[in-house]
Amino acid sequence: MDTPEDAPAKKLVKLSVTIDEAEFDRDIDMAFRTIAKEVKLPGFRQGKVPRKVLEARIGLATAREQALRDAVPQYLANAVREHDIDLIATPNIEFTGGQESGPVSFDATCEVRPEITVPGYGGLRVELSSPVATETDIDEAVEAELRRQGSLVDVDRPVQSGDQVTINLAGTRDGEPVTGLNTEDWLYNVGAGWVAPGFDGELLGANVGDELTFTATPNGTNEPADFVVNVTKVQETVLPELTDEWVSENLGEFETIEEWRAALAERIGTGKLNQTRNQFIERTTSSLAGLVDIEPPESMVQADLQGRVQNTVQQFQAQGVSIDQWLQMTGQDPAAFIEGLKVQSEKAVKVDLALRAVGVAEGLEVTDDDINAEYARIALQVRQKATEVRKAYERNDAVTDLVAQMRKTKALDWLLEHVEIVDEAGEPIDRDLVIGKNDDHDHDHHDHDHDHDHDHDHGDHDHDHGDHDHDHHDHDHEGHDHD
């Protein structure tokens, strides 16, 4: 196995393969059998024409060419497997002999996954949202409920932020009414910012009976509009007095303020904790990707991008919408949309390389027990026996990929156990709370999409569980698809 001088952005390996003439003759014989299925000769049943007859009629060269097309990918696959080549793109094959006669030999230039190091991975610091409800959070929730149940009273003073004003609204552009901006007796909450930037500011200080005229650009548009606003009523919200009696009468499940605030703290805390958990993997892997100082191999990026585009298209098709329709509805440029996905793919490739590097640096290994447990897990998902799942992986030569993926999962687990996590104020966050060790719920952080696609796609083919989409890169390359 020779290694040529690498291109700056690629790690290349050259395989030199020679096939014994007698061995290749068996492939030629197989090619004749394939040809026989398509040839009709008088006196012979289709598919039963002997090789000697076919050789006389069509010549040896045709069968040899067929054998080269059919058999060389298998020989290349065997060499890739023998030398444990981690292909990330279709190899480039150059024949060096045997195309017309004799032993067949060829060189295959293979682009392989680069092996990198990520100095500093052990000292990552990740900022997450605080998973704990603060007194301010609870106070805001209490006030929101009080405002919801408050009463509006008319006031004889200029408009202030937070007031409810009743207005007649007319919005025009070049003298023509603007859709959605013409209404009467509209009750509007000043400060909500629903209409246009600067709209609420024009209302501040107005009095009942005032007519306001100004120009502003409505939200969601690029063209300004002319506004005429007549203020017909100004009201403020009077909040009820917060007492145990009010809580008991209006919030039947609670008897006291203390009970209500405790329930709010639990509800808000649960929501914030879920937000923190959703951030944990994404921000950890993003920080890890930031340590990768090489450009991600373009072949890996493109393979990942292809998978993302296909998944997006399928998701829209499942909803009965084409991707083109969605882009038109949202006003997105297709090229910009693809470029956005490519940014995600570049990160995913960096995460893939970095997690593999962490696995090597920490000596993380996948044991036979680990593999058997994974087969059992997959078997439950696809409702097959674990032995059948194992055979499918072995038949598809996908065990190596599975082990690599499991090792990446171990590397991610290691990072989640060791990365420093703090809140917005820089205060440490309880790791056990985020990971879920201290509660009774199943918070398996591996249910999240953390950009190295460690959820396997196992249900695609005749239970060919080895052909799933691990790294978004397709292993069905020439010479690697040898089932």
Protein backbone atom coordinates (compact mmCIF):
# COMPACT_ATOMS: atom_id res chain seq x y z
CA MET A 1 0.00 0.00 0.00
CA ASP A 2 1.63 3.24 -1.17
CA THR A 3 0.80 6.74 0.01
CA PRO A 4 1.24 9.49 -2.59
CA GLU A 5 2.03 13.08 -1.82
CA ASP A 6 -1.15 14.45 -0.27
CA ALA A 7 -3.06 17.38 -1.67
CA PRO A 8 -3.37 20.12 0.97
CA ALA A 9 -7.04 19.42 1.71
CA LYS A 10 -7.06 15.67 1.15
CA LYS A 11 -5.57 12.59 2.71
CA LEU A 12 -4.97 10.13 -0.13
CA VAL A 13 -3.95 6.49 -0.11
CA LYS A 14 -3.06 4.44 -3.18
CA LEU A 15 -3.95 0.76 -3.28
CA SER A 16 -2.24 -1.47 -5.85
CA VAL A 17 -4.25 -4.63 -6.59
CA THR A 18 -3.33 -7.62 -8.78
CA ILE A 19 -5.79 -10.36 -9.71
CA ASP A 20 -4.41 -13.76 -10.71
CA GLU A 21 -5.31 -14.74 -14.28
CA ALA A 22 -6.93 -18.02 -13.22
CA GLU A 23 -8.97 -16.23 -10.57
CA PHE A 24 -10.12 -13.57 -13.02
CA ASP A 25 -11.11 -16.26 -15.50
CA ARG A 26 -13.83 -17.29 -13.06
CA ASP A 27 -15.10 -13.71 -13.21
CA ILE A 28 -15.08 -13.90 -17.00
CA ASP A 29 -17.10 -17.09 -16.75
CA MET A 30 -19.58 -15.29 -14.50
CA ALA A 31 -19.75 -12.45 -17.05
CA PHE A 32 -20.62 -14.96 -19.78
CA ARG A 33 -23.47 -16.22 -17.59
CA THR A 34 -24.75 -12.67 -17.26
CA ILE A 35 -24.52 -12.14 -21.01
CA ALA A 36 -26.26 -15.47 -21.67
CA LYS A 37 -29.37 -14.16 -19.91
CA GLU A 38 -29.72 -11.46 -22.55
CA VAL A 39 -28.71 -13.41 -25.66
CA LYS A 40 -31.12 -15.48 -27.73
CA LEU A 41 -29.61 -18.14 -29.99
CA PRO A 42 -31.55 -20.74 -31.99
CA GLY A 43 -31.42 -24.16 -30.36
CA PHE A 44 -30.66 -22.87 -26.87
CA ARG A 45 -32.93 -21.80 -24.04
CA GLN A 46 -32.35 -18.23 -22.94
CA GLY A 47 -29.69 -18.15 -20.28
CA LYS A 48 -28.43 -21.65 -21.15
CA VAL A 49 -26.04 -20.81 -23.99
CA PRO A 50 -22.64 -22.43 -23.21
CA ARG A 51 -19.61 -20.20 -22.74
CA LYS A 52 -17.77 -21.67 -25.73
CA VAL A 53 -20.69 -20.87 -28.03
CA LEU A 54 -20.96 -17.33 -26.70
CA GLU A 55 -17.21 -16.85 -26.93
CA ALA A 56 -17.34 -17.87 -30.58
CA ARG A 57 -20.28 -15.58 -31.34
CA ILE A 58 -19.42 -12.40 -29.40
CA GLY A 59 -15.76 -12.85 -28.56
CA LEU A 60 -13.83 -12.93 -25.29
CA ALA A 61 -13.25 -9.18 -25.17
CA THR A 62 -16.91 -8.39 -24.49
CA ALA A 63 -17.05 -10.77 -21.52
CA ARG A 64 -13.72 -9.53 -20.20
CA GLU A 65 -15.00 -5.97 -20.31
CA GLN A 66 -18.15 -7.07 -18.45
CA ALA A 67 -16.03 -8.89 -15.86
CA LEU A 68 -13.91 -5.80 -15.30
CA ARG A 69 -17.04 -3.74 -14.64
CA ASP A 70 -18.58 -6.33 -12.33
CA ALA A 71 -15.63 -7.85 -10.50
CA VAL A 72 -13.12 -5.03 -10.01
CA PRO A 73 -15.33 -3.18 -7.47
CA GLN A 74 -15.44 -6.39 -5.41
CA TYR A 75 -11.66 -6.81 -5.51
CA LEU A 76 -11.24 -3.18 -4.53
CA ALA A 77 -13.71 -3.65 -1.68
CA ASN A 78 -11.71 -6.64 -0.44
CA ALA A 79 -8.51 -4.59 -0.51
CA VAL A 80 -10.22 -1.69 1.28
CA ARG A 81 -11.44 -4.08 3.97
CA GLU A 82 -8.09 -5.88 4.26
CA HIS A 83 -6.16 -2.64 4.80
CA ASP A 84 -8.93 -1.02 6.88
CA ILE A 85 -9.21 1.99 4.57
CA ASP A 86 -11.73 4.55 5.83
CA LEU A 87 -13.08 5.77 2.50
CA ILE A 88 -14.88 9.10 2.30
CA ALA A 89 -15.23 9.32 -1.49
CA THR A 90 -15.36 7.11 -4.56
CA PRO A 91 -11.83 5.85 -5.38
CA ASN A 92 -10.23 6.75 -8.70
CA ILE A 93 -9.23 3.53 -10.51
CA GLU A 94 -6.44 3.33 -13.06
CA PHE A 95 -5.73 0.00 -14.76
CA THR A 96 -2.07 -0.92 -15.00
CA GLY A 97 -2.49 -4.24 -16.83
CA GLY A 98 -4.80 -7.03 -17.90
CA GLN A 99 -7.50 -5.06 -19.65
CA GLU A 100 -7.08 -7.22 -22.74
CA SER A 101 -5.36 -10.38 -21.39
CA GLY A 102 -3.37 -11.86 -18.54
CA PRO A 103 -3.48 -10.91 -14.85
CA VAL A 104 -5.52 -7.80 -14.05
CA SER A 105 -3.85 -5.05 -12.08
CA PHE A 106 -5.00 -1.60 -11.09
CA ASP A 107 -4.20 1.27 -8.78
CA ALA A 108 -6.96 2.86 -6.73
CA THR A 109 -6.38 6.34 -5.31
CA CYS A 110 -8.58 6.57 -2.22
CA GLU A 111 -9.49 9.68 -0.28
CA VAL A 112 -9.63 8.68 3.38
CA ARG A 113 -10.91 10.37 6.49
CA PRO A 114 -8.15 12.52 7.98
CA GLU A 115 -7.06 11.77 11.53
CA ILE A 116 -6.71 14.95 13.56
CA THR A 117 -5.99 16.09 17.09
CA VAL A 118 -8.04 18.68 18.97
CA PRO A 119 -5.87 20.31 21.65
CA GLY A 120 -7.95 21.87 24.38
CA TYR A 121 -10.95 19.55 24.22
CA GLY A 122 -10.55 18.74 27.91
CA GLY A 123 -10.95 22.38 28.90
CA LEU A 124 -14.09 23.31 26.99
CA ARG A 125 -16.40 25.81 28.69
CA VAL A 126 -20.00 25.99 27.49
CA GLU A 127 -22.54 28.67 28.40
CA LEU A 128 -26.12 27.45 28.75
CA SER A 129 -29.36 29.03 29.85
CA SER A 130 -29.89 28.73 33.59
CA PRO A 131 -32.08 25.67 34.25
CA VAL A 132 -33.52 27.14 37.47
CA ALA A 133 -36.49 29.48 37.83
CA THR A 134 -35.46 32.77 39.44
CA GLU A 135 -37.62 34.97 41.64
CA THR A 136 -37.79 37.41 38.74
CA ASP A 137 -39.12 34.65 36.46
CA ILE A 138 -41.80 33.81 39.01
CA ASP A 139 -42.68 37.47 39.59
CA GLU A 140 -43.14 37.98 35.84
CA ALA A 141 -45.40 34.92 35.60
CA VAL A 142 -47.49 36.16 38.55
CA GLU A 143 -47.84 39.62 36.99
CA ALA A 144 -48.78 38.13 33.60
CA GLU A 145 -51.63 36.16 35.24
CA LEU A 146 -52.75 39.18 37.24
CA ARG A 147 -52.78 41.29 34.06
CA ARG A 148 -54.73 38.56 32.26
CA GLN A 149 -57.38 38.74 34.95
CA GLY A 150 -57.13 42.49 35.49
CA SER A 151 -59.82 44.99 34.51
CA LEU A 152 -59.60 47.85 32.03
CA VAL A 153 -60.55 51.31 33.25
CA ASP A 154 -60.76 54.52 31.24
CA VAL A 155 -58.12 57.15 32.04
CA ASP A 156 -58.04 60.86 31.25
CA ARG A 157 -54.36 61.33 30.57
CA PRO A 158 -51.83 60.93 27.73
CA VAL A 159 -51.02 57.43 26.47
CA GLN A 160 -48.30 55.52 28.33
CA SER A 161 -46.55 52.28 27.47
CA GLY A 162 -48.68 49.35 28.59
CA ASP A 163 -51.97 51.16 28.06
CA GLN A 164 -54.76 49.66 26.00
CA VAL A 165 -55.89 52.16 23.38
CA THR A 166 -58.87 51.95 21.05
CA ILE A 167 -57.96 53.38 17.67
CA ASN A 168 -59.17 53.77 14.11
CA LEU A 169 -56.31 52.81 11.85
CA ALA A 170 -55.78 53.67 8.18
CA GLY A 171 -52.63 52.62 6.34
CA THR A 172 -52.10 53.56 2.69
CA ARG A 173 -49.34 53.32 0.11
CA ASP A 174 -49.55 55.65 -2.91
CA GLY A 175 -53.12 56.40 -1.88
CA GLU A 176 -54.18 52.75 -1.89
CA PRO A 177 -55.18 50.94 1.33
CA VAL A 178 -52.58 48.48 2.63
CA THR A 179 -54.03 45.04 3.37
CA GLY A 180 -54.37 44.43 7.11
CA LEU A 181 -53.69 48.04 8.10
CA ASN A 182 -57.21 49.46 7.90
CA THR A 183 -59.59 48.88 10.80
CA GLU A 184 -61.88 50.65 13.26
CA ASP A 185 -62.29 50.34 17.03
CA TRP A 186 -59.13 48.27 17.34
CA LEU A 187 -58.02 47.59 20.92
CA TYR A 188 -54.23 47.78 20.87
CA ASN A 189 -51.65 47.22 23.61
CA VAL A 190 -49.12 50.05 23.39
CA GLY A 191 -45.63 48.60 23.45
CA ALA A 192 -46.52 45.33 21.71
CA GLY A 193 -44.79 46.43 18.50
CA TRP A 194 -47.25 44.62 16.28
CA VAL A 195 -47.65 47.18 13.50
CA ALA A 196 -44.37 48.83 12.51
CA PRO A 197 -41.12 50.10 14.03
CA GLY A 198 -41.85 53.48 15.58
CA PHE A 199 -45.62 52.98 15.51
CA ASP A 200 -45.95 52.63 19.28
CA GLY A 201 -43.69 55.62 19.84
CA GLU A 202 -46.08 57.78 17.83
CA LEU A 203 -48.91 56.80 20.19
CA LEU A 204 -47.04 57.72 23.37
CA GLY A 205 -48.28 61.06 24.77
CA ALA A 206 -51.42 61.14 22.60
CA ASN A 207 -54.81 61.99 24.09
CA VAL A 208 -58.32 60.84 23.31
CA GLY A 209 -59.53 62.64 20.18
CA ASP A 210 -56.05 63.14 18.70
CA GLU A 211 -55.41 62.32 15.05
CA LEU A 212 -51.85 61.18 14.33
CA THR A 213 -50.29 61.14 10.86
CA PHE A 214 -46.88 59.66 10.17
CA THR A 215 -44.95 57.34 7.85
CA ALA A 216 -43.51 53.97 8.89
CA THR A 217 -42.51 50.67 7.29
CA PRO A 218 -44.98 47.91 8.28
CA ASN A 219 -43.51 44.77 9.85
CA GLY A 220 -42.60 42.16 7.27
CA THR A 221 -42.38 44.63 4.38
CA ASN A 222 -39.71 46.80 2.80
CA GLU A 223 -41.93 49.64 1.59
CA PRO A 224 -43.05 52.49 3.88
CA ALA A 225 -46.73 53.31 4.34
CA ASP A 226 -48.62 56.42 5.37
CA PHE A 227 -50.60 56.08 8.61
CA VAL A 228 -53.55 58.00 9.99
CA VAL A 229 -54.47 57.00 13.56
CA ASN A 230 -57.43 58.36 15.54
CA VAL A 231 -57.32 57.70 19.29
CA THR A 232 -60.86 57.14 20.63
CA LYS A 233 -60.18 55.65 24.07
CA VAL A 234 -57.27 55.22 26.51
CA GLN A 235 -57.44 52.56 29.22
CA GLU A 236 -55.10 51.07 31.74
CA THR A 237 -55.16 47.64 33.33
CA VAL A 238 -55.92 47.61 37.04
CA LEU A 239 -54.46 44.52 38.63
CA PRO A 240 -56.35 42.61 41.32
CA GLU A 241 -54.88 42.62 44.81
CA LEU A 242 -52.79 39.51 45.25
CA THR A 243 -53.99 37.64 48.35
CA ASP A 244 -54.46 34.03 49.39
CA GLU A 245 -58.20 34.57 49.00
CA TRP A 246 -57.78 35.82 45.40
CA VAL A 247 -55.58 32.80 44.57
CA SER A 248 -58.10 30.39 46.07
CA GLU A 249 -61.07 31.98 44.26
CA ASN A 250 -59.46 32.48 40.85
CA LEU A 251 -56.89 29.68 40.67
CA GLY A 252 -58.86 26.81 42.13
CA GLU A 253 -56.00 24.30 42.27
CA PHE A 254 -54.07 26.44 44.76
CA GLU A 255 -55.08 27.75 48.18
CA THR A 256 -52.28 30.18 48.90
CA ILE A 257 -49.81 32.49 47.15
CA GLU A 258 -46.99 30.28 48.38
CA GLU A 259 -48.49 27.17 46.77
CA TRP A 260 -49.03 29.02 43.49
CA ARG A 261 -45.50 30.42 43.39
CA ALA A 262 -44.07 26.97 44.15
CA ALA A 263 -46.04 25.49 41.24
CA LEU A 264 -44.89 28.30 38.96
CA ALA A 265 -41.29 27.70 39.99
CA GLU A 266 -41.62 24.02 39.10
CA ARG A 267 -43.31 24.72 35.75
CA ILE A 268 -40.89 27.44 34.73
CA GLY A 269 -37.93 25.40 35.96
CA THR A 270 -39.02 22.40 33.90
CA GLY A 271 -39.26 24.54 30.78
CA LYS A 272 -35.88 26.16 31.39
CA LEU A 273 -34.30 22.79 32.14
CA ASN A 274 -35.59 21.36 28.87
CA GLN A 275 -34.18 24.39 27.06
CA THR A 276 -30.83 23.88 28.76
CA ARG A 277 -30.79 20.19 27.85
CA ASN A 278 -31.59 21.02 24.25
CA GLN A 279 -28.66 23.45 24.20
CA PHE A 280 -26.18 21.15 25.93
CA ILE A 281 -25.22 18.86 23.07
CA GLU A 282 -25.50 21.48 20.33
CA ARG A 283 -23.30 23.99 22.14
CA THR A 284 -20.82 21.35 23.28
CA THR A 285 -20.37 20.02 19.76
CA SER A 286 -20.18 23.58 18.37
CA SER A 287 -17.41 24.37 20.84
CA LEU A 288 -15.65 21.15 19.91
CA ALA A 289 -15.93 21.96 16.20
CA GLY A 290 -14.29 25.31 16.94
CA LEU A 291 -11.14 23.46 17.98
CA VAL A 292 -10.75 21.85 14.55
CA ASP A 293 -8.12 23.85 12.66
CA ILE A 294 -8.37 22.13 9.27
CA GLU A 295 -10.85 22.72 6.50
CA PRO A 296 -13.36 19.86 6.45
CA PRO A 297 -12.84 17.56 3.43
CA GLU A 298 -15.13 18.75 0.65
CA SER A 299 -16.16 15.18 -0.21
CA MET A 300 -17.47 14.66 3.33
CA VAL A 301 -19.19 18.04 3.33
CA GLN A 302 -20.91 17.35 0.01
CA ALA A 303 -22.03 13.88 1.11
CA ASP A 304 -23.46 15.30 4.33
CA LEU A 305 -25.10 18.15 2.42
CA GLN A 306 -26.70 15.73 -0.01
CA GLY A 307 -28.21 13.85 2.92
CA ARG A 308 -29.53 17.04 4.49
CA VAL A 309 -31.12 18.21 1.26
CA GLN A 310 -32.74 14.81 0.70
CA ASN A 311 -34.09 14.76 4.26
CA THR A 312 -35.49 18.28 3.86
CA VAL A 313 -37.18 17.41 0.58
CA GLN A 314 -38.68 14.24 2.09
CA GLN A 315 -39.99 16.15 5.10
CA PHE A 316 -41.78 18.64 2.89
CA GLN A 317 -43.09 15.88 0.61
CA ALA A 318 -44.55 14.15 3.67
CA GLN A 319 -46.46 17.38 4.36
CA GLY A 320 -47.65 17.60 0.76
CA VAL A 321 -45.47 20.62 -0.03
CA SER A 322 -42.60 20.78 -2.49
CA ILE A 323 -39.36 22.43 -1.44
CA ASP A 324 -39.77 24.93 -4.30
CA GLN A 325 -43.20 25.95 -3.03
CA TRP A 326 -41.85 26.40 0.49
CA LEU A 327 -38.95 28.53 -0.73
CA GLN A 328 -41.36 30.72 -2.72
CA MET A 329 -43.74 31.08 0.24
CA THR A 330 -40.92 32.09 2.57
CA GLY A 331 -39.18 34.26 -0.02
CA GLN A 332 -35.90 32.38 0.32
CA ASP A 333 -33.29 32.13 -2.39
CA PRO A 334 -32.52 28.44 -3.17
CA ALA A 335 -28.78 29.09 -3.34
CA ALA A 336 -28.79 30.84 0.04
CA PHE A 337 -30.89 28.03 1.51
CA ILE A 338 -28.40 25.40 0.31
CA GLU A 339 -25.51 27.51 1.57
CA GLY A 340 -27.14 27.56 5.01
CA LEU A 341 -27.37 23.79 4.99
CA LYS A 342 -23.76 23.58 3.88
CA VAL A 343 -22.68 25.54 6.94
CA GLN A 344 -24.38 22.88 9.06
CA SER A 345 -22.65 20.15 7.04
CA GLU A 346 -19.24 21.73 7.54
CA LYS A 347 -19.86 21.77 11.28
CA ALA A 348 -21.08 18.15 11.23
CA VAL A 349 -17.91 17.00 9.48
CA LYS A 350 -15.71 18.85 11.97
CA VAL A 351 -17.64 17.29 14.84
CA ASP A 352 -17.22 13.85 13.28
CA LEU A 353 -13.44 14.27 12.99
CA ALA A 354 -13.15 15.82 16.45
CA LEU A 355 -15.17 13.14 18.25
CA ARG A 356 -13.03 10.46 16.63
CA ALA A 357 -9.96 12.37 17.85
CA VAL A 358 -11.32 12.52 21.41
CA GLY A 359 -12.00 8.78 21.29
CA VAL A 360 -8.40 8.12 20.31
CA ALA A 361 -6.93 10.57 22.83
CA GLU A 362 -8.99 9.15 25.71
CA GLY A 363 -8.47 5.53 24.68
CA LEU A 364 -12.20 4.91 24.45
CA GLU A 365 -12.90 1.41 23.18
CA VAL A 366 -16.02 -0.43 22.11
CA THR A 367 -16.17 -3.89 23.65
CA ASP A 368 -17.91 -7.00 22.37
CA ASP A 369 -20.48 -6.51 25.12
CA ASP A 370 -21.10 -2.96 23.86
CA ILE A 371 -21.65 -4.21 20.32
CA ASN A 372 -23.97 -7.00 21.42
CA ALA A 373 -25.99 -4.50 23.48
CA GLU A 374 -26.25 -2.24 20.43
CA TYR A 375 -27.44 -5.14 18.28
CA ALA A 376 -30.08 -5.85 20.93
CA ARG A 377 -31.17 -2.20 20.97
CA ILE A 378 -31.47 -2.09 17.20
CA ALA A 379 -33.31 -5.42 17.21
CA LEU A 380 -36.01 -3.91 19.43
CA GLN A 381 -36.38 -0.99 17.04
CA VAL A 382 -36.74 -3.12 13.90
CA ARG A 383 -38.53 -6.03 15.61
CA GLN A 384 -35.95 -8.61 14.63
CA LYS A 385 -33.75 -10.98 16.54
CA ALA A 386 -30.40 -9.60 17.62
CA THR A 387 -28.64 -12.43 15.79
CA GLU A 388 -30.32 -11.38 12.54
CA VAL A 389 -29.27 -7.77 13.07
CA ARG A 390 -25.68 -8.88 13.67
CA LYS A 391 -25.70 -11.00 10.51
CA ALA A 392 -27.05 -8.06 8.51
CA TYR A 393 -24.26 -5.80 9.70
CA GLU A 394 -21.65 -8.45 8.98
CA ARG A 395 -23.14 -9.21 5.56
CA ASN A 396 -22.94 -5.52 4.65
CA ASP A 397 -19.40 -5.11 6.04
CA ALA A 398 -20.84 -2.39 8.26
CA VAL A 399 -19.56 -3.53 11.64
CA THR A 400 -16.53 -1.24 11.39
CA ASP A 401 -18.78 1.74 10.76
CA LEU A 402 -21.03 0.76 13.64
CA VAL A 403 -18.08 0.49 16.02
CA ALA A 404 -16.77 3.88 14.88
CA GLN A 405 -20.17 5.41 15.47
CA MET A 406 -20.43 3.87 18.93
CA ARG A 407 -16.96 5.14 19.74
CA LYS A 408 -18.04 8.65 18.75
CA THR A 409 -21.01 8.30 21.08
CA LYS A 410 -18.64 7.34 23.89
CA ALA A 411 -16.53 10.40 23.06
CA LEU A 412 -19.59 12.65 23.24
CA ASP A 413 -20.55 11.09 26.57
CA TRP A 414 -17.04 11.78 27.84
CA LEU A 415 -17.28 15.41 26.78
CA LEU A 416 -20.69 15.88 28.39
CA GLU A 417 -19.25 14.54 31.63
CA HIS A 418 -16.17 16.77 31.55
CA VAL A 419 -17.06 20.04 29.79
CA GLU A 420 -17.44 23.01 32.14
CA ILE A 421 -21.01 24.30 32.01
CA VAL A 422 -22.05 27.72 33.29
CA ASP A 423 -25.11 29.96 33.02
CA GLU A 424 -25.33 33.44 31.49
CA ALA A 425 -23.83 34.95 34.64
CA GLY A 426 -20.90 32.55 34.59
CA GLU A 427 -22.21 30.55 37.54
CA PRO A 428 -21.68 26.76 37.45
CA ILE A 429 -24.67 24.62 36.46
CA ASP A 430 -25.45 21.29 38.14
CA ARG A 431 -24.32 18.75 35.53
CA ASP A 432 -26.35 15.91 37.05
CA LEU A 433 -29.50 18.04 36.78
CA VAL A 434 -28.87 18.74 33.08
CA ILE A 435 -27.95 15.17 32.18
CA GLY A 436 -30.88 13.85 34.20
CA LYS A 437 -29.17 11.68 36.78
CA ASN A 438 -31.16 13.02 39.69
CA ASP A 439 -34.70 12.55 38.43
CA ASP A 440 -36.97 9.69 37.51
CA HIS A 441 -37.51 10.75 33.91
CA ASP A 442 -35.78 9.30 30.90
CA HIS A 443 -33.73 12.21 29.65
CA ASP A 444 -31.58 10.35 27.16
CA HIS A 445 -29.49 13.12 25.69
CA HIS A 446 -28.79 10.95 22.68
CA ASP A 447 -32.31 11.58 21.44
CA HIS A 448 -31.12 14.98 20.27
CA ASP A 449 -29.71 15.70 16.85
CA HIS A 450 -26.16 16.63 17.66
CA ASP A 451 -24.80 16.92 14.16
CA HIS A 452 -22.86 13.72 14.03
CA ASP A 453 -26.01 11.78 13.26
CA HIS A 454 -25.60 9.10 15.82
CA ASP A 455 -29.19 7.99 15.46
CA HIS A 456 -29.02 5.15 12.98
CA ASP A 457 -31.38 4.66 10.07
CA HIS A 458 -32.05 0.96 10.31
CA GLY A 459 -35.21 0.27 8.45
CA ASP A 460 -34.33 0.89 4.87
CA HIS A 461 -33.72 -2.35 3.14
CA ASP A 462 -34.29 -6.07 3.57
CA HIS A 463 -33.03 -5.41 7.09
CA ASP A 464 -29.66 -4.39 5.65
CA HIS A 465 -28.90 -2.61 8.89
CA GLY A 466 -25.34 -2.03 7.77
CA ASP A 467 -26.33 0.45 5.10
CA HIS A 468 -27.54 3.19 7.39
CA ASP A 469 -26.62 6.81 7.26
CA HIS A 470 -23.99 7.21 9.96
CA ASP A 471 -22.02 10.27 8.98
CA HIS A 472 -24.27 11.44 6.18
CA HIS A 473 -21.55 10.12 3.88
CA ASP A 474 -22.54 7.32 1.56
CA HIS A 475 -20.43 4.21 1.75
CA ASP A 476 -21.88 2.81 -1.46
CA HIS A 477 -18.82 4.04 -3.30
CA GLU A 478 -17.33 2.15 -6.20
CA GLY A 479 -15.58 -0.80 -4.74
CA HIS A 480 -17.12 -0.36 -1.32
CA ASP A 481 -20.62 -1.58 -2.04
CA HIS A 482 -20.02 -5.27 -2.03
CA ASP A 483 -23.03 -6.94 -0.55
